[in-house]
Amino acid sequence: MVYWDVLQVRSWTLYVAATPFGLCRVTLPGESLDDDVKWRMRFMPGAQWRHDPGALQTFTQQLSEYLTGTRQDFFGTLDLYGTPFQRAVWQALLTIPYGETRSYQDVAQMIHDPKAVRAVGGANHANRIPIIIPCHRVIGKQGDLVGYGGGLEVKQALLKLEQQTRRIFC
């Protein structure tokens, strides 16, 4: 069983899903319900889906608080689907502090594979739990914003939110 809900924060709509093992999906603004259904059919064929806001309340509340600038950290179990390399990258991303960024090269070094810069980008692209697994905090070597599934405008908005609210938390 996969439980899902819709979270509306400001002008952003996010679709959130979890299995009994943990959170497995967060969409980014701009992804439609049709996009989400296509994702479901590709990555979780045969799964039974049930709209159940109560099952996702912990995650939707935390995401709402994050997007309104009142939360820095997330807690809860994640149900990660990916290769061992992707999972290593995602675990490394979880260590990037709120309001800070790292380059793709930095992340490759964090996982002790300094030549895997492009593969780190591929793992970021495969991240099904963006925001919570903060792939938006990964930038180009020269500090430029590059590559984000939700678009660079969303990446910039998330980084700006963290920069502005980081001062409040520090």
N, C-alpha and C. Protein backbone atom coordinates (compact mmCIF):
# COMPACT_ATOMS: atom_id res chain seq x y z
N MET A 1 0.85 -1.18 0.00
CA MET A 1 0.00 0.00 0.00
C MET A 1 0.90 1.24 0.00
N VAL A 2 0.50 2.20 -0.82
CA VAL A 2 1.18 3.49 -0.85
C VAL A 2 0.14 4.56 -0.54
N TYR A 3 0.44 5.38 0.44
CA TYR A 3 -0.46 6.44 0.85
C TYR A 3 0.01 7.74 0.23
N TRP A 4 -0.92 8.59 -0.18
CA TRP A 4 -0.53 9.85 -0.78
C TRP A 4 -1.42 10.98 -0.29
N ASP A 5 -0.89 12.19 -0.46
CA ASP A 5 -1.64 13.40 -0.13
C ASP A 5 -1.11 14.54 -0.97
N VAL A 6 -1.85 15.62 -0.98
CA VAL A 6 -1.46 16.83 -1.69
C VAL A 6 -1.22 17.91 -0.65
N LEU A 7 -0.12 18.62 -0.80
CA LEU A 7 0.22 19.71 0.10
C LEU A 7 0.24 21.00 -0.71
N GLN A 8 -0.52 21.98 -0.25
CA GLN A 8 -0.56 23.29 -0.90
C GLN A 8 0.06 24.30 0.06
N VAL A 9 1.19 24.88 -0.32
CA VAL A 9 1.84 25.90 0.50
C VAL A 9 2.13 27.08 -0.41
N ARG A 10 1.53 28.20 -0.07
CA ARG A 10 1.63 29.40 -0.92
C ARG A 10 1.14 29.03 -2.31
N SER A 11 1.93 29.29 -3.32
CA SER A 11 1.51 28.96 -4.69
C SER A 11 2.04 27.60 -5.14
N TRP A 12 2.64 26.86 -4.24
CA TRP A 12 3.25 25.57 -4.59
C TRP A 12 2.33 24.42 -4.21
N THR A 13 2.23 23.47 -5.13
CA THR A 13 1.51 22.22 -4.88
C THR A 13 2.51 21.08 -4.93
N LEU A 14 2.54 20.29 -3.87
CA LEU A 14 3.44 19.13 -3.79
C LEU A 14 2.59 17.88 -3.57
N TYR A 15 2.96 16.80 -4.25
CA TYR A 15 2.34 15.50 -4.00
C TYR A 15 3.33 14.70 -3.15
N VAL A 16 2.82 14.09 -2.10
CA VAL A 16 3.66 13.39 -1.13
C VAL A 16 3.13 11.96 -1.00
N ALA A 17 4.05 10.99 -0.96
CA ALA A 17 3.64 9.59 -0.85
C ALA A 17 4.55 8.84 0.11
N ALA A 18 3.97 7.84 0.77
CA ALA A 18 4.74 7.01 1.70
C ALA A 18 4.22 5.58 1.66
N THR A 19 5.12 4.66 1.90
CA THR A 19 4.77 3.26 2.10
C THR A 19 4.79 3.01 3.60
N PRO A 20 4.43 1.82 4.04
CA PRO A 20 4.56 1.52 5.47
C PRO A 20 6.01 1.61 5.96
N PHE A 21 6.97 1.63 5.03
CA PHE A 21 8.39 1.70 5.40
C PHE A 21 8.92 3.12 5.48
N GLY A 22 8.15 4.10 5.00
CA GLY A 22 8.59 5.48 5.10
C GLY A 22 8.22 6.31 3.88
N LEU A 23 8.61 7.56 3.92
CA LEU A 23 8.35 8.49 2.83
C LEU A 23 9.08 8.02 1.57
N CYS A 24 8.38 7.98 0.44
CA CYS A 24 9.00 7.49 -0.79
C CYS A 24 8.94 8.48 -1.94
N ARG A 25 8.18 9.57 -1.79
CA ARG A 25 8.03 10.48 -2.93
C ARG A 25 7.57 11.85 -2.47
N VAL A 26 8.23 12.87 -3.00
CA VAL A 26 7.79 14.26 -2.89
C VAL A 26 7.97 14.86 -4.27
N THR A 27 6.92 15.43 -4.82
CA THR A 27 7.08 16.10 -6.10
C THR A 27 7.53 17.53 -5.87
N LEU A 28 7.94 18.16 -6.92
CA LEU A 28 8.34 19.56 -6.86
C LEU A 28 7.26 20.42 -7.50
N PRO A 29 7.21 21.70 -7.15
CA PRO A 29 6.24 22.59 -7.80
C PRO A 29 6.39 22.50 -9.32
N GLY A 30 5.28 22.52 -10.00
CA GLY A 30 5.31 22.42 -11.45
C GLY A 30 5.01 21.03 -11.95
N GLU A 31 5.16 20.02 -11.10
CA GLU A 31 4.79 18.67 -11.49
C GLU A 31 3.29 18.51 -11.27
N SER A 32 2.60 18.06 -12.28
CA SER A 32 1.16 17.91 -12.21
C SER A 32 0.78 16.54 -11.64
N LEU A 33 -0.49 16.38 -11.38
CA LEU A 33 -0.98 15.07 -10.94
C LEU A 33 -0.72 14.04 -12.04
N ASP A 34 -0.86 14.44 -13.31
CA ASP A 34 -0.56 13.53 -14.42
C ASP A 34 0.90 13.07 -14.38
N ASP A 35 1.81 14.02 -14.11
CA ASP A 35 3.23 13.66 -14.00
C ASP A 35 3.43 12.65 -12.88
N ASP A 36 2.74 12.88 -11.77
CA ASP A 36 2.87 11.98 -10.63
C ASP A 36 2.32 10.60 -10.96
N VAL A 37 1.20 10.54 -11.65
CA VAL A 37 0.62 9.25 -12.04
C VAL A 37 1.58 8.50 -12.97
N LYS A 38 2.19 9.21 -13.91
CA LYS A 38 3.18 8.58 -14.80
C LYS A 38 4.35 8.02 -13.99
N TRP A 39 4.79 8.78 -12.99
CA TRP A 39 5.88 8.31 -12.13
C TRP A 39 5.46 7.03 -11.41
N ARG A 40 4.25 7.05 -10.88
CA ARG A 40 3.74 5.87 -10.16
C ARG A 40 3.74 4.63 -11.05
N MET A 41 3.26 4.80 -12.27
CA MET A 41 3.17 3.66 -13.19
C MET A 41 4.56 3.14 -13.56
N ARG A 42 5.53 4.04 -13.63
CA ARG A 42 6.88 3.63 -14.01
C ARG A 42 7.62 2.97 -12.85
N PHE A 43 7.57 3.60 -11.67
CA PHE A 43 8.42 3.14 -10.57
C PHE A 43 7.72 2.24 -9.57
N MET A 44 6.41 2.26 -9.53
CA MET A 44 5.69 1.43 -8.56
C MET A 44 4.49 0.76 -9.22
N PRO A 45 4.73 0.06 -10.33
CA PRO A 45 3.60 -0.58 -11.01
C PRO A 45 2.97 -1.64 -10.12
N GLY A 46 1.68 -1.70 -10.16
CA GLY A 46 0.97 -2.71 -9.37
C GLY A 46 0.72 -2.31 -7.93
N ALA A 47 1.31 -1.23 -7.48
CA ALA A 47 1.09 -0.80 -6.09
C ALA A 47 -0.33 -0.26 -5.94
N GLN A 48 -0.90 -0.49 -4.80
CA GLN A 48 -2.21 0.07 -4.49
C GLN A 48 -2.00 1.43 -3.82
N TRP A 49 -2.67 2.44 -4.34
CA TRP A 49 -2.52 3.80 -3.84
C TRP A 49 -3.80 4.22 -3.13
N ARG A 50 -3.63 4.86 -1.98
CA ARG A 50 -4.79 5.35 -1.24
C ARG A 50 -4.52 6.76 -0.73
N HIS A 51 -5.47 7.65 -1.02
CA HIS A 51 -5.37 9.01 -0.50
C HIS A 51 -5.64 8.95 1.00
N ASP A 52 -4.64 9.31 1.80
CA ASP A 52 -4.76 9.20 3.25
C ASP A 52 -3.94 10.30 3.91
N PRO A 53 -4.52 11.50 4.05
CA PRO A 53 -3.78 12.61 4.65
C PRO A 53 -3.24 12.29 6.04
N GLY A 54 -3.96 11.50 6.81
CA GLY A 54 -3.52 11.17 8.16
C GLY A 54 -2.22 10.39 8.18
N ALA A 55 -2.04 9.50 7.21
CA ALA A 55 -0.83 8.69 7.15
C ALA A 55 0.40 9.53 6.82
N LEU A 56 0.18 10.70 6.24
CA LEU A 56 1.30 11.55 5.81
C LEU A 56 1.41 12.84 6.62
N GLN A 57 0.60 12.98 7.65
CA GLN A 57 0.53 14.24 8.38
C GLN A 57 1.89 14.70 8.91
N THR A 58 2.68 13.79 9.44
CA THR A 58 4.00 14.17 9.97
C THR A 58 4.85 14.80 8.88
N PHE A 59 4.86 14.17 7.70
CA PHE A 59 5.70 14.68 6.61
C PHE A 59 5.13 15.96 6.00
N THR A 60 3.81 16.01 5.79
CA THR A 60 3.24 17.21 5.18
C THR A 60 3.37 18.41 6.12
N GLN A 61 3.24 18.18 7.41
CA GLN A 61 3.41 19.27 8.36
C GLN A 61 4.84 19.79 8.34
N GLN A 62 5.81 18.87 8.32
CA GLN A 62 7.21 19.29 8.29
C GLN A 62 7.54 20.04 7.00
N LEU A 63 7.04 19.55 5.87
CA LEU A 63 7.28 20.24 4.60
C LEU A 63 6.64 21.62 4.61
N SER A 64 5.44 21.73 5.13
CA SER A 64 4.77 23.02 5.22
C SER A 64 5.57 23.99 6.09
N GLU A 65 6.05 23.50 7.23
CA GLU A 65 6.86 24.35 8.11
C GLU A 65 8.16 24.76 7.43
N TYR A 66 8.80 23.85 6.72
CA TYR A 66 10.03 24.18 6.00
C TYR A 66 9.75 25.27 4.96
N LEU A 67 8.70 25.09 4.17
CA LEU A 67 8.42 26.02 3.08
C LEU A 67 7.93 27.38 3.57
N THR A 68 7.53 27.46 4.83
CA THR A 68 7.16 28.75 5.40
C THR A 68 8.26 29.31 6.29
N GLY A 69 9.41 28.66 6.28
CA GLY A 69 10.58 29.19 6.97
C GLY A 69 10.65 28.93 8.46
N THR A 70 9.88 27.97 8.96
CA THR A 70 9.90 27.71 10.40
C THR A 70 10.51 26.36 10.78
N ARG A 71 11.08 25.65 9.81
CA ARG A 71 11.72 24.36 10.09
C ARG A 71 12.98 24.24 9.26
N GLN A 72 14.03 23.71 9.90
CA GLN A 72 15.30 23.45 9.21
C GLN A 72 15.52 21.97 8.95
N ASP A 73 15.15 21.15 9.88
CA ASP A 73 15.47 19.72 9.82
C ASP A 73 14.20 18.89 9.71
N PHE A 74 14.36 17.74 9.10
CA PHE A 74 13.25 16.80 8.96
C PHE A 74 13.55 15.54 9.76
N PHE A 75 12.50 14.89 10.24
CA PHE A 75 12.67 13.60 10.89
C PHE A 75 11.62 12.65 10.34
N GLY A 76 11.90 11.39 10.43
CA GLY A 76 10.99 10.37 9.94
C GLY A 76 11.76 9.40 9.06
N THR A 77 11.16 8.27 8.80
CA THR A 77 11.81 7.22 8.03
C THR A 77 11.60 7.47 6.54
N LEU A 78 12.67 7.23 5.77
CA LEU A 78 12.60 7.36 4.32
C LEU A 78 12.67 5.97 3.70
N ASP A 79 11.83 5.73 2.72
CA ASP A 79 11.83 4.47 1.98
C ASP A 79 12.51 4.75 0.65
N LEU A 80 13.82 4.52 0.61
CA LEU A 80 14.64 4.88 -0.55
C LEU A 80 14.74 3.73 -1.54
N TYR A 81 14.47 4.03 -2.79
CA TYR A 81 14.65 3.07 -3.87
C TYR A 81 15.76 3.60 -4.76
N GLY A 82 16.84 2.87 -4.87
CA GLY A 82 17.94 3.30 -5.73
C GLY A 82 19.10 2.33 -5.65
N THR A 83 20.08 2.58 -6.49
CA THR A 83 21.28 1.75 -6.48
C THR A 83 22.09 2.06 -5.22
N PRO A 84 23.04 1.21 -4.87
CA PRO A 84 23.90 1.53 -3.72
C PRO A 84 24.62 2.87 -3.90
N PHE A 85 25.04 3.18 -5.13
CA PHE A 85 25.70 4.47 -5.37
C PHE A 85 24.73 5.63 -5.12
N GLN A 86 23.53 5.54 -5.67
CA GLN A 86 22.54 6.60 -5.46
C GLN A 86 22.24 6.78 -3.98
N ARG A 87 22.08 5.69 -3.28
CA ARG A 87 21.78 5.78 -1.85
C ARG A 87 22.93 6.43 -1.08
N ALA A 88 24.16 6.15 -1.49
CA ALA A 88 25.32 6.78 -0.85
C ALA A 88 25.30 8.29 -1.09
N VAL A 89 24.97 8.69 -2.31
CA VAL A 89 24.88 10.12 -2.62
C VAL A 89 23.77 10.76 -1.79
N TRP A 90 22.61 10.13 -1.74
CA TRP A 90 21.50 10.70 -0.98
C TRP A 90 21.83 10.82 0.50
N GLN A 91 22.53 9.84 1.04
CA GLN A 91 22.95 9.92 2.45
C GLN A 91 23.91 11.10 2.64
N ALA A 92 24.79 11.32 1.68
CA ALA A 92 25.72 12.46 1.75
C ALA A 92 24.95 13.77 1.70
N LEU A 93 23.94 13.85 0.85
CA LEU A 93 23.15 15.08 0.74
C LEU A 93 22.48 15.42 2.07
N LEU A 94 22.07 14.40 2.80
CA LEU A 94 21.41 14.63 4.09
C LEU A 94 22.34 15.29 5.10
N THR A 95 23.64 15.27 4.85
CA THR A 95 24.59 15.88 5.79
C THR A 95 24.91 17.33 5.44
N ILE A 96 24.43 17.82 4.31
CA ILE A 96 24.69 19.22 3.94
C ILE A 96 23.81 20.11 4.81
N PRO A 97 24.40 20.98 5.61
CA PRO A 97 23.60 21.79 6.53
C PRO A 97 22.63 22.74 5.83
N TYR A 98 21.55 22.99 6.50
CA TYR A 98 20.55 23.96 6.05
C TYR A 98 21.23 25.29 5.75
N GLY A 99 20.89 25.87 4.62
CA GLY A 99 21.44 27.18 4.27
C GLY A 99 22.81 27.14 3.65
N GLU A 100 23.39 25.95 3.49
CA GLU A 100 24.71 25.83 2.88
C GLU A 100 24.60 25.06 1.58
N THR A 101 25.62 25.17 0.75
CA THR A 101 25.66 24.44 -0.51
C THR A 101 26.98 23.70 -0.63
N ARG A 102 26.97 22.71 -1.50
CA ARG A 102 28.17 21.96 -1.85
C ARG A 102 28.16 21.77 -3.36
N SER A 103 29.33 21.65 -3.94
CA SER A 103 29.41 21.38 -5.37
C SER A 103 29.25 19.89 -5.63
N TYR A 104 29.00 19.55 -6.88
CA TYR A 104 28.93 18.14 -7.25
C TYR A 104 30.26 17.46 -6.93
N GLN A 105 31.36 18.18 -7.14
CA GLN A 105 32.69 17.65 -6.81
C GLN A 105 32.80 17.38 -5.31
N ASP A 106 32.30 18.31 -4.50
CA ASP A 106 32.32 18.12 -3.05
C ASP A 106 31.57 16.85 -2.65
N VAL A 107 30.41 16.65 -3.25
CA VAL A 107 29.60 15.47 -2.91
C VAL A 107 30.33 14.20 -3.34
N ALA A 108 30.96 14.23 -4.52
CA ALA A 108 31.73 13.06 -4.97
C ALA A 108 32.84 12.74 -3.97
N GLN A 109 33.48 13.77 -3.44
CA GLN A 109 34.52 13.55 -2.44
C GLN A 109 33.93 13.04 -1.12
N MET A 110 32.74 13.52 -0.78
CA MET A 110 32.09 13.07 0.45
C MET A 110 31.83 11.57 0.43
N ILE A 111 31.58 11.02 -0.76
CA ILE A 111 31.31 9.58 -0.85
C ILE A 111 32.56 8.80 -1.25
N HIS A 112 33.70 9.48 -1.19
CA HIS A 112 35.01 8.86 -1.46
C HIS A 112 35.13 8.33 -2.89
N ASP A 113 34.56 9.08 -3.83
CA ASP A 113 34.65 8.72 -5.25
C ASP A 113 34.80 10.02 -6.05
N PRO A 114 35.96 10.69 -5.91
CA PRO A 114 36.12 12.04 -6.46
C PRO A 114 35.96 12.16 -7.97
N LYS A 115 36.02 11.06 -8.69
CA LYS A 115 35.85 11.13 -10.15
C LYS A 115 34.40 10.95 -10.57
N ALA A 116 33.52 10.75 -9.64
CA ALA A 116 32.12 10.45 -9.95
C ALA A 116 31.23 11.69 -9.99
N VAL A 117 31.78 12.80 -10.43
CA VAL A 117 31.02 14.06 -10.42
C VAL A 117 29.74 13.96 -11.25
N ARG A 118 29.84 13.46 -12.47
CA ARG A 118 28.65 13.34 -13.32
C ARG A 118 27.66 12.33 -12.74
N ALA A 119 28.17 11.27 -12.17
CA ALA A 119 27.29 10.26 -11.57
C ALA A 119 26.55 10.84 -10.37
N VAL A 120 27.19 11.75 -9.64
CA VAL A 120 26.51 12.44 -8.54
C VAL A 120 25.32 13.23 -9.10
N GLY A 121 25.54 13.89 -10.23
CA GLY A 121 24.43 14.61 -10.87
C GLY A 121 23.30 13.67 -11.25
N GLY A 122 23.65 12.49 -11.75
CA GLY A 122 22.63 11.50 -12.09
C GLY A 122 21.86 11.02 -10.87
N ALA A 123 22.57 10.83 -9.77
CA ALA A 123 21.91 10.41 -8.53
C ALA A 123 20.98 11.51 -8.02
N ASN A 124 21.42 12.77 -8.14
CA ASN A 124 20.55 13.88 -7.75
C ASN A 124 19.27 13.85 -8.58
N HIS A 125 19.42 13.63 -9.87
CA HIS A 125 18.26 13.60 -10.77
C HIS A 125 17.31 12.46 -10.41
N ALA A 126 17.84 11.36 -9.90
CA ALA A 126 17.02 10.21 -9.53
C ALA A 126 16.39 10.33 -8.14
N ASN A 127 16.72 11.39 -7.41
CA ASN A 127 16.21 11.59 -6.06
C ASN A 127 14.69 11.78 -6.11
N ARG A 128 13.95 10.90 -5.48
CA ARG A 128 12.50 10.96 -5.48
C ARG A 128 11.94 11.69 -4.26
N ILE A 129 12.84 12.14 -3.39
CA ILE A 129 12.39 12.84 -2.18
C ILE A 129 13.12 14.18 -2.07
N PRO A 130 12.99 15.04 -3.11
CA PRO A 130 13.67 16.33 -3.05
C PRO A 130 13.13 17.16 -1.89
N ILE A 131 13.84 18.16 -1.53
CA ILE A 131 13.64 19.05 -0.39
C ILE A 131 14.07 18.32 0.87
N ILE A 132 13.48 17.17 1.18
CA ILE A 132 13.89 16.43 2.38
C ILE A 132 15.29 15.85 2.18
N ILE A 133 15.54 15.24 1.03
CA ILE A 133 16.91 14.91 0.63
C ILE A 133 17.34 16.09 -0.23
N PRO A 134 18.10 17.01 0.34
CA PRO A 134 18.26 18.35 -0.24
C PRO A 134 19.20 18.46 -1.44
N CYS A 135 18.77 17.89 -2.56
CA CYS A 135 19.59 17.99 -3.77
C CYS A 135 19.65 19.43 -4.29
N HIS A 136 18.74 20.29 -3.83
CA HIS A 136 18.80 21.70 -4.23
C HIS A 136 20.03 22.40 -3.68
N ARG A 137 20.68 21.81 -2.68
CA ARG A 137 21.88 22.41 -2.08
C ARG A 137 23.15 22.08 -2.86
N VAL A 138 23.03 21.36 -3.95
CA VAL A 138 24.19 21.00 -4.76
C VAL A 138 24.25 21.93 -5.96
N ILE A 139 25.40 22.59 -6.11
CA ILE A 139 25.57 23.61 -7.15
C ILE A 139 26.80 23.30 -7.98
N GLY A 140 27.00 24.07 -9.03
CA GLY A 140 28.17 23.89 -9.88
C GLY A 140 29.46 24.28 -9.18
N LYS A 141 30.56 23.86 -9.76
CA LYS A 141 31.87 24.09 -9.16
C LYS A 141 32.18 25.58 -8.97
N GLN A 142 31.69 26.40 -9.88
CA GLN A 142 31.93 27.84 -9.80
C GLN A 142 30.85 28.57 -9.00
N GLY A 143 29.99 27.82 -8.34
CA GLY A 143 28.93 28.43 -7.53
C GLY A 143 27.66 28.72 -8.31
N ASP A 144 27.59 28.26 -9.55
CA ASP A 144 26.41 28.52 -10.37
C ASP A 144 25.32 27.48 -10.11
N LEU A 145 24.09 27.92 -10.32
CA LEU A 145 22.95 27.01 -10.17
C LEU A 145 22.82 26.20 -11.44
N VAL A 146 22.91 24.90 -11.31
CA VAL A 146 22.78 24.02 -12.46
C VAL A 146 21.90 22.84 -12.09
N GLY A 147 21.22 22.30 -13.07
CA GLY A 147 20.49 21.06 -12.96
C GLY A 147 19.61 20.88 -11.76
N TYR A 148 18.30 21.05 -11.95
CA TYR A 148 17.36 20.76 -10.88
C TYR A 148 16.05 20.31 -11.52
N GLY A 149 15.53 19.19 -11.07
CA GLY A 149 14.33 18.62 -11.66
C GLY A 149 13.13 19.55 -11.63
N GLY A 150 13.04 20.39 -10.64
CA GLY A 150 11.93 21.33 -10.54
C GLY A 150 12.17 22.63 -11.27
N GLY A 151 13.34 22.74 -11.90
CA GLY A 151 13.70 23.98 -12.58
C GLY A 151 14.57 24.85 -11.69
N LEU A 152 15.38 25.66 -12.33
CA LEU A 152 16.32 26.49 -11.57
C LEU A 152 15.61 27.55 -10.73
N GLU A 153 14.40 27.96 -11.15
CA GLU A 153 13.66 28.94 -10.35
C GLU A 153 13.29 28.36 -8.99
N VAL A 154 12.89 27.09 -8.98
CA VAL A 154 12.53 26.43 -7.72
C VAL A 154 13.78 26.25 -6.86
N LYS A 155 14.87 25.82 -7.48
CA LYS A 155 16.13 25.64 -6.76
C LYS A 155 16.55 26.96 -6.11
N GLN A 156 16.49 28.03 -6.89
CA GLN A 156 16.87 29.35 -6.38
C GLN A 156 15.95 29.78 -5.24
N ALA A 157 14.65 29.51 -5.37
CA ALA A 157 13.71 29.88 -4.32
C ALA A 157 13.99 29.12 -3.02
N LEU A 158 14.31 27.83 -3.12
CA LEU A 158 14.61 27.04 -1.93
C LEU A 158 15.89 27.53 -1.26
N LEU A 159 16.92 27.81 -2.06
CA LEU A 159 18.18 28.30 -1.49
C LEU A 159 17.99 29.68 -0.86
N LYS A 160 17.20 30.53 -1.50
CA LYS A 160 16.94 31.87 -0.96
C LYS A 160 16.18 31.76 0.37
N LEU A 161 15.18 30.88 0.40
CA LEU A 161 14.44 30.66 1.64
C LEU A 161 15.38 30.25 2.77
N GLU A 162 16.28 29.32 2.48
CA GLU A 162 17.21 28.85 3.51
C GLU A 162 18.19 29.95 3.93
N GLN A 163 18.65 30.73 2.99
CA GLN A 163 19.58 31.81 3.34
C GLN A 163 18.89 32.84 4.22
N GLN A 164 17.66 33.19 3.89
CA GLN A 164 16.93 34.20 4.66
C GLN A 164 16.58 33.72 6.06
N THR A 165 16.14 32.47 6.17
CA THR A 165 15.69 31.99 7.47
C THR A 165 16.82 31.42 8.31
N ARG A 166 17.94 31.12 7.69
CA ARG A 166 19.08 30.58 8.45
C ARG A 166 19.50 31.56 9.54
N ARG A 167 19.45 32.83 9.23
CA ARG A 167 19.83 33.86 10.21
C ARG A 167 18.93 33.81 11.44
N ILE A 168 17.67 33.45 11.23
CA ILE A 168 16.73 33.36 12.35
C ILE A 168 17.10 32.21 13.28
N PHE A 169 17.52 31.08 12.70
CA PHE A 169 17.82 29.89 13.48
C PHE A 169 19.19 29.94 14.14
N CYS A 170 20.09 30.74 13.60
CA CYS A 170 21.46 30.77 14.13
C CYS A 170 21.58 31.61 15.38
